[in-house]
Amino acid sequence: MFVIGQIFSSLAFLFSMIFKVIYFLLVIRIVLSWFIADSYNSTVSTLYAVTDPILAPFRKLPLQIGGLDLSPIVAFLAISFLDHFVVGILTRLAIQFA
């Protein structure tokens, strides 16, 4: 049972890191949107390719006020919720099986 607890603990850590990286990439994308970013740059295009699927469902919602797009804020809230939910469940399972 100890091994199963360690697996759940490792999964909790892995998912936590994945959510933090996604959060960080969204922050970088938001900061780049304030400046003129070259979309032909390979780094910028990779960043857009990674973050577009995350932001796309939220951009379909009416979250624009004037010229301000609030979809990244809703995406941050969703990522934060998923982080706490998934990592919390995996952590409880790790404690239960430890």
PDB file of N, CA and C in Angstrom:
ATOM      1  N   MET A   1       0.814  -1.198   0.000  1.00  0.00           N
ATOM      2  CA  MET A   1       0.000   0.000   0.000  1.00  0.00           C
ATOM      3  C   MET A   1       0.861   1.267   0.000  1.00  0.00           C
ATOM      4  N   PHE A   2       2.064   1.171   0.561  1.00  0.00           N
ATOM      5  CA  PHE A   2       2.950   2.321   0.607  1.00  0.00           C
ATOM      6  C   PHE A   2       3.308   2.793  -0.803  1.00  0.00           C
ATOM      7  N   VAL A   3       3.517   1.825  -1.705  1.00  0.00           N
ATOM      8  CA  VAL A   3       3.891   2.161  -3.082  1.00  0.00           C
ATOM      9  C   VAL A   3       2.760   2.916  -3.770  1.00  0.00           C
ATOM     10  N   ILE A   4       1.534   2.485  -3.558  1.00  0.00           N
ATOM     11  CA  ILE A   4       0.386   3.162  -4.169  1.00  0.00           C
ATOM     12  C   ILE A   4       0.282   4.592  -3.628  1.00  0.00           C
ATOM     13  N   GLY A   5       0.524   4.772  -2.332  1.00  0.00           N
ATOM     14  CA  GLY A   5       0.520   6.111  -1.750  1.00  0.00           C
ATOM     15  C   GLY A   5       1.580   6.997  -2.365  1.00  0.00           C
ATOM     16  N   GLN A   6       2.753   6.443  -2.620  1.00  0.00           N
ATOM     17  CA  GLN A   6       3.827   7.217  -3.247  1.00  0.00           C
ATOM     18  C   GLN A   6       3.491   7.566  -4.691  1.00  0.00           C
ATOM     19  N   ILE A   7       2.830   6.650  -5.380  1.00  0.00           N
ATOM     20  CA  ILE A   7       2.420   6.941  -6.762  1.00  0.00           C
ATOM     21  C   ILE A   7       1.427   8.097  -6.785  1.00  0.00           C
ATOM     22  N   PHE A   8       0.449   8.063  -5.896  1.00  0.00           N
ATOM     23  CA  PHE A   8      -0.522   9.164  -5.835  1.00  0.00           C
ATOM     24  C   PHE A   8       0.147  10.477  -5.431  1.00  0.00           C
ATOM     25  N   SER A   9       1.098  10.406  -4.535  1.00  0.00           N
ATOM     26  CA  SER A   9       1.821  11.607  -4.123  1.00  0.00           C
ATOM     27  C   SER A   9       2.629  12.174  -5.289  1.00  0.00           C
ATOM     28  N   SER A  10       3.275  11.306  -6.044  1.00  0.00           N
ATOM     29  CA  SER A  10       4.040  11.750  -7.208  1.00  0.00           C
ATOM     30  C   SER A  10       3.134  12.331  -8.287  1.00  0.00           C
ATOM     31  N   LEU A  11       1.973  11.708  -8.490  1.00  0.00           N
ATOM     32  CA  LEU A  11       1.016  12.250  -9.452  1.00  0.00           C
ATOM     33  C   LEU A  11       0.502  13.620  -9.028  1.00  0.00           C
ATOM     34  N   ALA A  12       0.271  13.790  -7.737  1.00  0.00           N
ATOM     35  CA  ALA A  12      -0.176  15.094  -7.228  1.00  0.00           C
ATOM     36  C   ALA A  12       0.879  16.155  -7.508  1.00  0.00           C
ATOM     37  N   PHE A  13       2.141  15.814  -7.272  1.00  0.00           N
ATOM     38  CA  PHE A  13       3.224  16.759  -7.534  1.00  0.00           C
ATOM     39  C   PHE A  13       3.332  17.061  -9.027  1.00  0.00           C
ATOM     40  N   LEU A  14       3.214  16.027  -9.872  1.00  0.00           N
ATOM     41  CA  LEU A  14       3.306  16.210 -11.317  1.00  0.00           C
ATOM     42  C   LEU A  14       2.194  17.118 -11.832  1.00  0.00           C
ATOM     43  N   PHE A  15       0.950  16.855 -11.414  1.00  0.00           N
ATOM     44  CA  PHE A  15      -0.163  17.695 -11.860  1.00  0.00           C
ATOM     45  C   PHE A  15      -0.028  19.124 -11.341  1.00  0.00           C
ATOM     46  N   SER A  16       0.463  19.271 -10.126  1.00  0.00           N
ATOM     47  CA  SER A  16       0.673  20.610  -9.582  1.00  0.00           C
ATOM     48  C   SER A  16       1.685  21.384 -10.421  1.00  0.00           C
ATOM     49  N   MET A  17       2.758  20.728 -10.812  1.00  0.00           N
ATOM     50  CA  MET A  17       3.765  21.388 -11.645  1.00  0.00           C
ATOM     51  C   MET A  17       3.211  21.721 -13.031  1.00  0.00           C
ATOM     52  N   ILE A  18       2.424  20.825 -13.604  1.00  0.00           N
ATOM     53  CA  ILE A  18       1.835  21.084 -14.923  1.00  0.00           C
ATOM     54  C   ILE A  18       0.917  22.302 -14.867  1.00  0.00           C
ATOM     55  N   PHE A  19       0.085  22.382 -13.835  1.00  0.00           N
ATOM     56  CA  PHE A  19      -0.818  23.531 -13.710  1.00  0.00           C
ATOM     57  C   PHE A  19      -0.039  24.825 -13.494  1.00  0.00           C
ATOM     58  N   LYS A  20       1.053  24.768 -12.751  1.00  0.00           N
ATOM     59  CA  LYS A  20       1.865  25.965 -12.529  1.00  0.00           C
ATOM     60  C   LYS A  20       2.560  26.414 -13.814  1.00  0.00           C
ATOM     61  N   VAL A  21       3.022  25.477 -14.622  1.00  0.00           N
ATOM     62  CA  VAL A  21       3.650  25.827 -15.901  1.00  0.00           C
ATOM     63  C   VAL A  21       2.622  26.464 -16.835  1.00  0.00           C
ATOM     64  N   ILE A  22       1.423  25.896 -16.889  1.00  0.00           N
ATOM     65  CA  ILE A  22       0.360  26.477 -17.732  1.00  0.00           C
ATOM     66  C   ILE A  22       0.035  27.883 -17.259  1.00  0.00           C
ATOM     67  N   TYR A  23      -0.067  28.067 -15.953  1.00  0.00           N
ATOM     68  CA  TYR A  23      -0.344  29.385 -15.383  1.00  0.00           C
ATOM     69  C   TYR A  23       0.756  30.375 -15.788  1.00  0.00           C
ATOM     70  N   PHE A  24       2.012  29.948 -15.681  1.00  0.00           N
ATOM     71  CA  PHE A  24       3.150  30.795 -16.019  1.00  0.00           C
ATOM     72  C   PHE A  24       3.142  31.144 -17.508  1.00  0.00           C
ATOM     73  N   LEU A  25       2.838  30.172 -18.369  1.00  0.00           N
ATOM     74  CA  LEU A  25       2.784  30.436 -19.805  1.00  0.00           C
ATOM     75  C   LEU A  25       1.670  31.418 -20.159  1.00  0.00           C
ATOM     76  N   LEU A  26       0.544  31.327 -19.460  1.00  0.00           N
ATOM     77  CA  LEU A  26      -0.539  32.292 -19.692  1.00  0.00           C
ATOM     78  C   LEU A  26      -0.122  33.699 -19.272  1.00  0.00           C
ATOM     79  N   VAL A  27       0.601  33.800 -18.180  1.00  0.00           N
ATOM     80  CA  VAL A  27       1.088  35.117 -17.742  1.00  0.00           C
ATOM     81  C   VAL A  27       2.033  35.706 -18.786  1.00  0.00           C
ATOM     82  N   ILE A  28       2.923  34.883 -19.308  1.00  0.00           N
ATOM     83  CA  ILE A  28       3.846  35.366 -20.341  1.00  0.00           C
ATOM     84  C   ILE A  28       3.075  35.811 -21.578  1.00  0.00           C
ATOM     85  N   ARG A  29       2.061  35.051 -21.953  1.00  0.00           N
ATOM     86  CA  ARG A  29       1.268  35.426 -23.127  1.00  0.00           C
ATOM     87  C   ARG A  29       0.546  36.753 -22.905  1.00  0.00           C
ATOM     88  N   ILE A  30       0.020  36.953 -21.722  1.00  0.00           N
ATOM     89  CA  ILE A  30      -0.678  38.208 -21.427  1.00  0.00           C
ATOM     90  C   ILE A  30       0.293  39.384 -21.486  1.00  0.00           C
ATOM     91  N   VAL A  31       1.472  39.213 -20.917  1.00  0.00           N
ATOM     92  CA  VAL A  31       2.462  40.291 -20.954  1.00  0.00           C
ATOM     93  C   VAL A  31       2.891  40.563 -22.392  1.00  0.00           C
ATOM     94  N   LEU A  32       3.056  39.513 -23.193  1.00  0.00           N
ATOM     95  CA  LEU A  32       3.419  39.724 -24.599  1.00  0.00           C
ATOM     96  C   LEU A  32       2.320  40.434 -25.382  1.00  0.00           C
ATOM     97  N   SER A  33       1.079  40.263 -24.972  1.00  0.00           N
ATOM     98  CA  SER A  33      -0.012  40.928 -25.688  1.00  0.00           C
ATOM     99  C   SER A  33       0.011  42.444 -25.474  1.00  0.00           C
ATOM    100  N   TRP A  34       0.703  42.896 -24.451  1.00  0.00           N
ATOM    101  CA  TRP A  34       0.816  44.335 -24.210  1.00  0.00           C
ATOM    102  C   TRP A  34       1.841  44.987 -25.135  1.00  0.00           C
ATOM    103  N   PHE A  35       2.728  44.180 -25.692  1.00  0.00           N
ATOM    104  CA  PHE A  35       3.783  44.680 -26.566  1.00  0.00           C
ATOM    105  C   PHE A  35       3.555  44.126 -27.966  1.00  0.00           C
ATOM    106  N   ILE A  36       4.293  44.671 -28.900  1.00  0.00           N
ATOM    107  CA  ILE A  36       4.218  44.161 -30.264  1.00  0.00           C
ATOM    108  C   ILE A  36       5.136  42.948 -30.334  1.00  0.00           C
ATOM    109  N   ALA A  37       4.525  41.771 -30.388  1.00  0.00           N
ATOM    110  CA  ALA A  37       5.293  40.534 -30.450  1.00  0.00           C
ATOM    111  C   ALA A  37       5.283  40.003 -31.876  1.00  0.00           C
ATOM    112  N   ASP A  38       6.442  39.568 -32.337  1.00  0.00           N
ATOM    113  CA  ASP A  38       6.567  39.004 -33.668  1.00  0.00           C
ATOM    114  C   ASP A  38       5.969  37.602 -33.673  1.00  0.00           C
ATOM    115  N   SER A  39       4.827  37.431 -34.320  1.00  0.00           N
ATOM    116  CA  SER A  39       4.160  36.128 -34.317  1.00  0.00           C
ATOM    117  C   SER A  39       4.901  35.095 -35.159  1.00  0.00           C
ATOM    118  N   TYR A  40       5.885  35.525 -35.954  1.00  0.00           N
ATOM    119  CA  TYR A  40       6.676  34.590 -36.744  1.00  0.00           C
ATOM    120  C   TYR A  40       7.878  34.060 -35.967  1.00  0.00           C
ATOM    121  N   ASN A  41       8.122  34.625 -34.808  1.00  0.00           N
ATOM    122  CA  ASN A  41       9.190  34.130 -33.946  1.00  0.00           C
ATOM    123  C   ASN A  41       8.804  32.738 -33.459  1.00  0.00           C
ATOM    124  N   SER A  42       9.739  31.810 -33.468  1.00  0.00           N
ATOM    125  CA  SER A  42       9.410  30.421 -33.111  1.00  0.00           C
ATOM    126  C   SER A  42       9.000  30.293 -31.646  1.00  0.00           C
ATOM    127  N   THR A  43       9.599  31.076 -30.775  1.00  0.00           N
ATOM    128  CA  THR A  43       9.235  31.016 -29.357  1.00  0.00           C
ATOM    129  C   THR A  43       7.821  31.539 -29.136  1.00  0.00           C
ATOM    130  N   VAL A  44       7.502  32.653 -29.761  1.00  0.00           N
ATOM    131  CA  VAL A  44       6.175  33.249 -29.611  1.00  0.00           C
ATOM    132  C   VAL A  44       5.117  32.351 -30.237  1.00  0.00           C
ATOM    133  N   SER A  45       5.403  31.788 -31.409  1.00  0.00           N
ATOM    134  CA  SER A  45       4.416  30.914 -32.049  1.00  0.00           C
ATOM    135  C   SER A  45       4.217  29.627 -31.248  1.00  0.00           C
ATOM    136  N   THR A  46       5.262  29.115 -30.616  1.00  0.00           N
ATOM    137  CA  THR A  46       5.117  27.941 -29.748  1.00  0.00           C
ATOM    138  C   THR A  46       4.286  28.279 -28.522  1.00  0.00           C
ATOM    139  N   LEU A  47       4.521  29.455 -27.950  1.00  0.00           N
ATOM    140  CA  LEU A  47       3.736  29.899 -26.803  1.00  0.00           C
ATOM    141  C   LEU A  47       2.267  30.021 -27.174  1.00  0.00           C
ATOM    142  N   TYR A  48       1.983  30.593 -28.335  1.00  0.00           N
ATOM    143  CA  TYR A  48       0.597  30.712 -28.788  1.00  0.00           C
ATOM    144  C   TYR A  48      -0.014  29.338 -29.052  1.00  0.00           C
ATOM    145  N   ALA A  49       0.772  28.432 -29.623  1.00  0.00           N
ATOM    146  CA  ALA A  49       0.258  27.084 -29.919  1.00  0.00           C
ATOM    147  C   ALA A  49      -0.081  26.326 -28.638  1.00  0.00           C
ATOM    148  N   VAL A  50       0.661  26.586 -27.564  1.00  0.00           N
ATOM    149  CA  VAL A  50       0.403  25.901 -26.295  1.00  0.00           C
ATOM    150  C   VAL A  50      -0.774  26.531 -25.557  1.00  0.00           C
ATOM    151  N   THR A  51      -0.879  27.842 -25.595  1.00  0.00           N
ATOM    152  CA  THR A  51      -1.908  28.518 -24.799  1.00  0.00           C
ATOM    153  C   THR A  51      -3.232  28.716 -25.530  1.00  0.00           C
ATOM    154  N   ASP A  52      -3.229  28.664 -26.862  1.00  0.00           N
ATOM    155  CA  ASP A  52      -4.491  28.833 -27.600  1.00  0.00           C
ATOM    156  C   ASP A  52      -5.549  27.795 -27.240  1.00  0.00           C
ATOM    157  N   PRO A  53      -5.205  26.499 -27.139  1.00  0.00           N
ATOM    158  CA  PRO A  53      -6.243  25.532 -26.760  1.00  0.00           C
ATOM    159  C   PRO A  53      -6.802  25.757 -25.355  1.00  0.00           C
ATOM    160  N   ILE A  54      -6.037  26.373 -24.496  1.00  0.00           N
ATOM    161  CA  ILE A  54      -6.512  26.653 -23.138  1.00  0.00           C
ATOM    162  C   ILE A  54      -7.464  27.840 -23.147  1.00  0.00           C
ATOM    163  N   LEU A  55      -7.139  28.858 -23.915  1.00  0.00           N
ATOM    164  CA  LEU A  55      -7.948  30.070 -23.946  1.00  0.00           C
ATOM    165  C   LEU A  55      -9.147  29.985 -24.885  1.00  0.00           C
ATOM    166  N   ALA A  56      -9.102  29.095 -25.866  1.00  0.00           N
ATOM    167  CA  ALA A  56     -10.164  29.023 -26.880  1.00  0.00           C
ATOM    168  C   ALA A  56     -11.562  28.819 -26.297  1.00  0.00           C
ATOM    169  N   PRO A  57     -11.769  27.893 -25.357  1.00  0.00           N
ATOM    170  CA  PRO A  57     -13.140  27.743 -24.827  1.00  0.00           C
ATOM    171  C   PRO A  57     -13.639  28.982 -24.090  1.00  0.00           C
ATOM    172  N   PHE A  58     -12.739  29.714 -23.470  1.00  0.00           N
ATOM    173  CA  PHE A  58     -13.140  30.904 -22.719  1.00  0.00           C
ATOM    174  C   PHE A  58     -13.368  32.103 -23.635  1.00  0.00           C
ATOM    175  N   ARG A  59     -12.740  32.096 -24.796  1.00  0.00           N
ATOM    176  CA  ARG A  59     -12.947  33.188 -25.747  1.00  0.00           C
ATOM    177  C   ARG A  59     -14.297  33.097 -26.437  1.00  0.00           C
ATOM    178  N   LYS A  60     -14.927  31.930 -26.385  1.00  0.00           N
ATOM    179  CA  LYS A  60     -16.264  31.770 -26.967  1.00  0.00           C
ATOM    180  C   LYS A  60     -17.329  32.402 -26.076  1.00  0.00           C
ATOM    181  N   LEU A  61     -16.999  32.619 -24.806  1.00  0.00           N
ATOM    182  CA  LEU A  61     -17.932  33.250 -23.875  1.00  0.00           C
ATOM    183  C   LEU A  61     -17.900  34.758 -24.058  1.00  0.00           C
ATOM    184  N   PRO A  62     -18.983  35.453 -23.742  1.00  0.00           N
ATOM    185  CA  PRO A  62     -18.978  36.923 -23.878  1.00  0.00           C
ATOM    186  C   PRO A  62     -18.247  37.577 -22.705  1.00  0.00           C
ATOM    187  N   LEU A  63     -16.913  37.569 -22.778  1.00  0.00           N
ATOM    188  CA  LEU A  63     -16.100  38.084 -21.682  1.00  0.00           C
ATOM    189  C   LEU A  63     -15.295  39.314 -22.084  1.00  0.00           C
ATOM    190  N   GLN A  64     -15.746  40.033 -23.089  1.00  0.00           N
ATOM    191  CA  GLN A  64     -15.025  41.223 -23.518  1.00  0.00           C
ATOM    192  C   GLN A  64     -15.797  42.466 -23.107  1.00  0.00           C
ATOM    193  N   ILE A  65     -15.097  43.346 -22.428  1.00  0.00           N
ATOM    194  CA  ILE A  65     -15.669  44.622 -22.012  1.00  0.00           C
ATOM    195  C   ILE A  65     -14.885  45.705 -22.742  1.00  0.00           C
ATOM    196  N   GLY A  66     -15.491  46.263 -23.743  1.00  0.00           N
ATOM    197  CA  GLY A  66     -14.783  47.241 -24.557  1.00  0.00           C
ATOM    198  C   GLY A  66     -13.650  46.546 -25.297  1.00  0.00           C
ATOM    199  N   GLY A  67     -12.444  47.007 -25.092  1.00  0.00           N
ATOM    200  CA  GLY A  67     -11.278  46.386 -25.706  1.00  0.00           C
ATOM    201  C   GLY A  67     -10.552  45.440 -24.777  1.00  0.00           C
ATOM    202  N   LEU A  68     -11.126  45.199 -23.614  1.00  0.00           N
ATOM    203  CA  LEU A  68     -10.481  44.361 -22.600  1.00  0.00           C
ATOM    204  C   LEU A  68     -11.041  42.946 -22.659  1.00  0.00           C
ATOM    205  N   ASP A  69     -10.155  41.971 -22.834  1.00  0.00           N
ATOM    206  CA  ASP A  69     -10.546  40.566 -22.896  1.00  0.00           C
ATOM    207  C   ASP A  69     -10.337  39.940 -21.518  1.00  0.00           C
ATOM    208  N   LEU A  70     -11.410  39.472 -20.920  1.00  0.00           N
ATOM    209  CA  LEU A  70     -11.342  38.891 -19.578  1.00  0.00           C
ATOM    210  C   LEU A  70     -11.211  37.372 -19.593  1.00  0.00           C
ATOM    211  N   SER A  71     -11.093  36.770 -20.771  1.00  0.00           N
ATOM    212  CA  SER A  71     -10.991  35.311 -20.830  1.00  0.00           C
ATOM    213  C   SER A  71      -9.757  34.757 -20.123  1.00  0.00           C
ATOM    214  N   PRO A  72      -8.588  35.428 -20.125  1.00  0.00           N
ATOM    215  CA  PRO A  72      -7.465  34.890 -19.354  1.00  0.00           C
ATOM    216  C   PRO A  72      -7.734  34.847 -17.844  1.00  0.00           C
ATOM    217  N   ILE A  73      -8.503  35.790 -17.346  1.00  0.00           N
ATOM    218  CA  ILE A  73      -8.819  35.780 -15.915  1.00  0.00           C
ATOM    219  C   ILE A  73      -9.679  34.574 -15.574  1.00  0.00           C
ATOM    220  N   VAL A  74     -10.660  34.291 -16.419  1.00  0.00           N
ATOM    221  CA  VAL A  74     -11.511  33.127 -16.203  1.00  0.00           C
ATOM    222  C   VAL A  74     -10.687  31.844 -16.369  1.00  0.00           C
ATOM    223  N   ALA A  75      -9.743  31.851 -17.310  1.00  0.00           N
ATOM    224  CA  ALA A  75      -8.861  30.692 -17.484  1.00  0.00           C
ATOM    225  C   ALA A  75      -8.000  30.483 -16.238  1.00  0.00           C
ATOM    226  N   PHE A  76      -7.496  31.573 -15.650  1.00  0.00           N
ATOM    227  CA  PHE A  76      -6.726  31.462 -14.404  1.00  0.00           C
ATOM    228  C   PHE A  76      -7.575  30.855 -13.291  1.00  0.00           C
ATOM    229  N   LEU A  77      -8.814  31.292 -13.185  1.00  0.00           N
ATOM    230  CA  LEU A  77      -9.701  30.746 -12.156  1.00  0.00           C
ATOM    231  C   LEU A  77      -9.963  29.262 -12.385  1.00  0.00           C
ATOM    232  N   ALA A  78     -10.174  28.889 -13.629  1.00  0.00           N
ATOM    233  CA  ALA A  78     -10.422  27.474 -13.946  1.00  0.00           C
ATOM    234  C   ALA A  78      -9.187  26.623 -13.658  1.00  0.00           C
ATOM    235  N   ILE A  79      -8.020  27.120 -14.015  1.00  0.00           N
ATOM    236  CA  ILE A  79      -6.781  26.380 -13.753  1.00  0.00           C
ATOM    237  C   ILE A  79      -6.545  26.267 -12.257  1.00  0.00           C
ATOM    238  N   SER A  80      -6.811  27.329 -11.531  1.00  0.00           N
ATOM    239  CA  SER A  80      -6.652  27.291 -10.077  1.00  0.00           C
ATOM    240  C   SER A  80      -7.612  26.289  -9.447  1.00  0.00           C
ATOM    241  N   PHE A  81      -8.863  26.280  -9.923  1.00  0.00           N
ATOM    242  CA  PHE A  81      -9.831  25.317  -9.410  1.00  0.00           C
ATOM    243  C   PHE A  81      -9.388  23.886  -9.705  1.00  0.00           C
ATOM    244  N   LEU A  82      -8.974  23.634 -10.947  1.00  0.00           N
ATOM    245  CA  LEU A  82      -8.516  22.294 -11.301  1.00  0.00           C
ATOM    246  C   LEU A  82      -7.285  21.888 -10.502  1.00  0.00           C
ATOM    247  N   ASP A  83      -6.394  22.842 -10.286  1.00  0.00           N
ATOM    248  CA  ASP A  83      -5.196  22.563  -9.497  1.00  0.00           C
ATOM    249  C   ASP A  83      -5.576  22.111  -8.090  1.00  0.00           C
ATOM    250  N   HIS A  84      -6.411  22.875  -7.427  1.00  0.00           N
ATOM    251  CA  HIS A  84      -6.795  22.523  -6.063  1.00  0.00           C
ATOM    252  C   HIS A  84      -7.615  21.239  -6.026  1.00  0.00           C
ATOM    253  N   PHE A  85      -8.486  21.050  -7.000  1.00  0.00           N
ATOM    254  CA  PHE A  85      -9.357  19.885  -7.023  1.00  0.00           C
ATOM    255  C   PHE A  85      -8.569  18.598  -7.284  1.00  0.00           C
ATOM    256  N   VAL A  86      -7.828  18.575  -8.387  1.00  0.00           N
ATOM    257  CA  VAL A  86      -7.099  17.364  -8.779  1.00  0.00           C
ATOM    258  C   VAL A  86      -5.984  17.047  -7.791  1.00  0.00           C
ATOM    259  N   VAL A  87      -5.196  18.053  -7.454  1.00  0.00           N
ATOM    260  CA  VAL A  87      -4.088  17.820  -6.525  1.00  0.00           C
ATOM    261  C   VAL A  87      -4.619  17.459  -5.139  1.00  0.00           C
ATOM    262  N   GLY A  88      -5.715  18.058  -4.731  1.00  0.00           N
ATOM    263  CA  GLY A  88      -6.317  17.725  -3.442  1.00  0.00           C
ATOM    264  C   GLY A  88      -6.779  16.282  -3.380  1.00  0.00           C
ATOM    265  N   ILE A  89      -7.439  15.824  -4.443  1.00  0.00           N
ATOM    266  CA  ILE A  89      -7.896  14.428  -4.476  1.00  0.00           C
ATOM    267  C   ILE A  89      -6.712  13.473  -4.463  1.00  0.00           C
ATOM    268  N   LEU A  90      -5.700  13.755  -5.276  1.00  0.00           N
ATOM    269  CA  LEU A  90      -4.543  12.869  -5.313  1.00  0.00           C
ATOM    270  C   LEU A  90      -3.787  12.873  -3.985  1.00  0.00           C
ATOM    271  N   THR A  91      -3.714  14.014  -3.330  1.00  0.00           N
ATOM    272  CA  THR A  91      -3.033  14.090  -2.037  1.00  0.00           C
ATOM    273  C   THR A  91      -3.797  13.292  -0.993  1.00  0.00           C
ATOM    274  N   ARG A  92      -5.125  13.407  -0.993  1.00  0.00           N
ATOM    275  CA  ARG A  92      -5.930  12.617  -0.034  1.00  0.00           C
ATOM    276  C   ARG A  92      -5.790  11.129  -0.295  1.00  0.00           C
ATOM    277  N   LEU A  93      -5.736  10.736  -1.555  1.00  0.00           N
ATOM    278  CA  LEU A  93      -5.532   9.323  -1.869  1.00  0.00           C
ATOM    279  C   LEU A  93      -4.146   8.861  -1.416  1.00  0.00           C
ATOM    280  N   ALA A  94      -3.162   9.730  -1.580  1.00  0.00           N
ATOM    281  CA  ALA A  94      -1.795   9.388  -1.132  1.00  0.00           C
ATOM    282  C   ALA A  94      -1.763   9.200   0.377  1.00  0.00           C
ATOM    283  N   ILE A  95      -2.457  10.048   1.101  1.00  0.00           N
ATOM    284  CA  ILE A  95      -2.500   9.922   2.569  1.00  0.00           C
ATOM    285  C   ILE A  95      -3.261   8.672   2.964  1.00  0.00           C
ATOM    286  N   GLN A  96      -4.332   8.386   2.256  1.00  0.00           N
ATOM    287  CA  GLN A  96      -5.146   7.223   2.575  1.00  0.00           C
ATOM    288  C   GLN A  96      -4.370   5.913   2.360  1.00  0.00           C
ATOM    289  N   PHE A  97      -3.567   5.853   1.297  1.00  0.00           N
ATOM    290  CA  PHE A  97      -2.847   4.628   1.002  1.00  0.00           C
ATOM    291  C   PHE A  97      -1.462   4.565   1.644  1.00  0.00           C
ATOM    292  N   ALA A  98      -1.034   5.628   2.286  1.00  0.00           N
ATOM    293  CA  ALA A  98       0.297   5.646   2.884  1.00  0.00           C
ATOM    294  C   ALA A  98       0.373   4.943   4.181  1.00  0.00           C
TER     295      ALA A  98
END
